[in-house]
């Protein structure tokens, strides 16, 4: 015998499942944990964000579940999370190239500090927007 309350309501077009919303929270938590360990640990925010196991797991989850949120408001969050990770990697690569020139060392340090603050902003803004169930810019 089934009870009406045990049957989940059908999803409306453009609405993600609650499991996907929970997964998005988990991904922000993994990224947030990586940033937090960068703040309190010996690693930098940026180094911890792109090289720690939690962030790498988060990005892998983003790619695995990306199709499940396509066409929903949650798609913008998955794109935001993926782009935050890969742009952080890009900024580190640019900083490494600047360090190799020796002359670019001060610029590399400024770039790393700026990129660290940018990652912190992206994680906070993204998670805050998710809590309000709003979309993020997709461009």
Protein backbone atom coordinates (compact mmCIF):
# COMPACT_ATOMS: atom_id res chain seq x y z
CA UNK A 1 0.00 0.00 0.00
CA UNK A 2 1.38 3.39 -0.95
CA UNK A 3 0.54 6.63 0.74
CA UNK A 4 0.07 9.85 -1.22
CA UNK A 5 2.64 11.65 0.94
CA UNK A 6 5.37 9.15 0.02
CA UNK A 7 5.20 9.97 -3.68
CA UNK A 8 7.37 12.94 -4.61
CA UNK A 9 5.70 15.75 -6.47
CA UNK A 10 6.49 15.83 -10.17
CA UNK A 11 9.15 18.34 -11.12
CA UNK A 12 8.04 21.42 -12.99
CA UNK A 13 9.95 22.42 -16.11
CA UNK A 14 13.08 24.30 -15.15
CA UNK A 15 13.04 23.03 -11.56
CA UNK A 16 15.95 20.91 -10.33
CA UNK A 17 15.42 18.03 -7.94
CA UNK A 18 16.10 18.63 -4.27
CA UNK A 19 18.93 16.09 -4.52
CA UNK A 20 20.66 18.33 -7.04
CA UNK A 21 20.18 21.39 -4.82
CA UNK A 22 21.71 19.43 -1.93
CA UNK A 23 24.58 18.38 -4.19
CA UNK A 24 25.22 22.02 -5.14
CA UNK A 25 25.39 22.87 -1.42
CA UNK A 26 27.83 19.99 -0.92
CA UNK A 27 30.01 21.25 -3.76
CA UNK A 28 30.09 24.77 -2.31
CA UNK A 29 30.92 23.22 1.08
CA UNK A 30 33.83 21.29 -0.44
CA UNK A 31 35.15 24.43 -2.11
CA UNK A 32 34.56 26.42 1.07
CA UNK A 33 36.46 23.84 3.09
CA UNK A 34 39.38 24.09 0.67
CA UNK A 35 39.39 27.89 0.98
CA UNK A 36 39.11 27.67 4.78
CA UNK A 37 42.07 25.30 5.00
CA UNK A 38 44.03 27.70 2.83
CA UNK A 39 43.23 30.54 5.23
CA UNK A 40 44.12 28.72 8.43
CA UNK A 41 46.78 26.33 7.13
CA UNK A 42 50.19 26.62 5.63
CA UNK A 43 48.86 26.55 2.07
CA UNK A 44 47.53 29.60 0.28
CA UNK A 45 43.84 30.08 -0.48
CA UNK A 46 44.48 29.63 -4.17
CA UNK A 47 46.80 26.66 -3.74
CA UNK A 48 44.37 24.90 -1.44
CA UNK A 49 41.46 25.70 -3.76
CA UNK A 50 42.97 24.18 -6.91
CA UNK A 51 45.13 21.41 -5.46
CA UNK A 52 43.17 20.02 -2.52
CA UNK A 53 41.19 16.81 -2.69
CA UNK A 54 37.87 18.47 -1.65
CA UNK A 55 37.99 20.96 -4.53
CA UNK A 56 39.00 18.33 -7.05
CA UNK A 57 36.13 16.10 -5.88
CA UNK A 58 33.80 19.10 -6.17
CA UNK A 59 34.76 19.77 -9.79
CA UNK A 60 34.48 16.09 -10.70
CA UNK A 61 30.97 16.05 -9.18
CA UNK A 62 30.13 19.18 -11.18
CA UNK A 63 31.08 17.47 -14.43
CA UNK A 64 29.37 14.17 -13.56
CA UNK A 65 26.03 15.79 -12.62
CA UNK A 66 26.06 18.70 -15.07
CA UNK A 67 23.52 17.07 -17.37
CA UNK A 68 21.10 16.51 -14.47
CA UNK A 69 20.76 20.28 -13.91
CA UNK A 70 20.78 21.41 -17.53
CA UNK A 71 17.83 23.67 -18.25
CA UNK A 72 17.22 24.49 -14.58
CA UNK A 73 18.19 27.50 -12.49
CA UNK A 74 20.81 25.29 -10.86
CA UNK A 75 22.74 25.05 -14.13
CA UNK A 76 24.13 28.54 -13.48
CA UNK A 77 25.59 27.37 -10.16
CA UNK A 78 27.32 24.37 -11.70
CA UNK A 79 28.77 26.57 -14.42
CA UNK A 80 29.84 29.15 -11.78
CA UNK A 81 31.61 26.45 -9.75
CA UNK A 82 33.38 24.95 -12.75
CA UNK A 83 34.49 28.32 -14.11
CA UNK A 84 35.73 29.43 -10.69
CA UNK A 85 37.97 26.38 -10.49
CA UNK A 86 39.40 26.59 -14.01
CA UNK A 87 39.95 30.35 -13.93
CA UNK A 88 41.80 29.91 -10.62
CA UNK A 89 44.03 27.35 -12.36
CA UNK A 90 44.57 29.82 -15.21
CA UNK A 91 45.56 32.65 -12.83
CA UNK A 92 48.08 30.37 -11.12
CA UNK A 93 49.59 29.39 -14.48
CA UNK A 94 49.91 33.06 -15.48
CA UNK A 95 51.52 33.85 -12.12
CA UNK A 96 54.01 31.00 -12.60
CA UNK A 97 54.93 32.39 -16.01
CA UNK A 98 55.45 35.82 -14.46
CA UNK A 99 57.64 34.38 -11.70
CA UNK A 100 59.83 32.69 -14.31
CA UNK A 101 60.69 36.08 -15.77
CA UNK A 102 61.95 37.31 -12.35
CA UNK A 103 60.94 40.85 -13.35
CA UNK A 104 57.32 39.77 -13.09
CA UNK A 105 57.64 38.55 -9.49
CA UNK A 106 55.81 41.53 -7.92
CA UNK A 107 53.07 41.25 -10.54
CA UNK A 108 52.76 37.52 -9.89
CA UNK A 109 52.35 38.14 -6.17
CA UNK A 110 49.66 40.77 -6.80
CA UNK A 111 47.93 38.41 -9.22
CA UNK A 112 47.95 35.57 -6.69
CA UNK A 113 46.56 37.79 -3.94
CA UNK A 114 43.88 39.17 -6.25
CA UNK A 115 42.94 35.72 -7.55
CA UNK A 116 42.70 34.40 -3.97
CA UNK A 117 40.29 37.19 -3.05
CA UNK A 118 38.37 36.52 -6.27
CA UNK A 119 37.99 32.80 -5.39
CA UNK A 120 36.83 33.70 -1.89
CA UNK A 121 34.26 36.10 -3.36
CA UNK A 122 33.02 33.53 -5.89
CA UNK A 123 32.52 30.81 -3.29
CA UNK A 124 30.71 33.16 -0.89
CA UNK A 125 28.53 34.82 -3.55
CA UNK A 126 27.67 31.54 -5.22
CA UNK A 127 26.69 29.81 -2.01
CA UNK A 128 24.71 32.83 -0.80
CA UNK A 129 22.83 32.96 -4.10
CA UNK A 130 22.12 29.23 -3.90
CA UNK A 131 20.70 29.64 -0.40
CA UNK A 132 18.24 32.15 -1.89
CA UNK A 133 17.53 29.80 -4.82
CA UNK A 134 18.49 32.41 -7.39
CA UNK A 135 20.50 32.07 -10.57
CA UNK A 136 23.99 33.39 -11.19
CA UNK A 137 25.22 35.15 -14.34
CA UNK A 138 26.01 32.64 -17.07
CA UNK A 139 28.22 34.80 -19.26
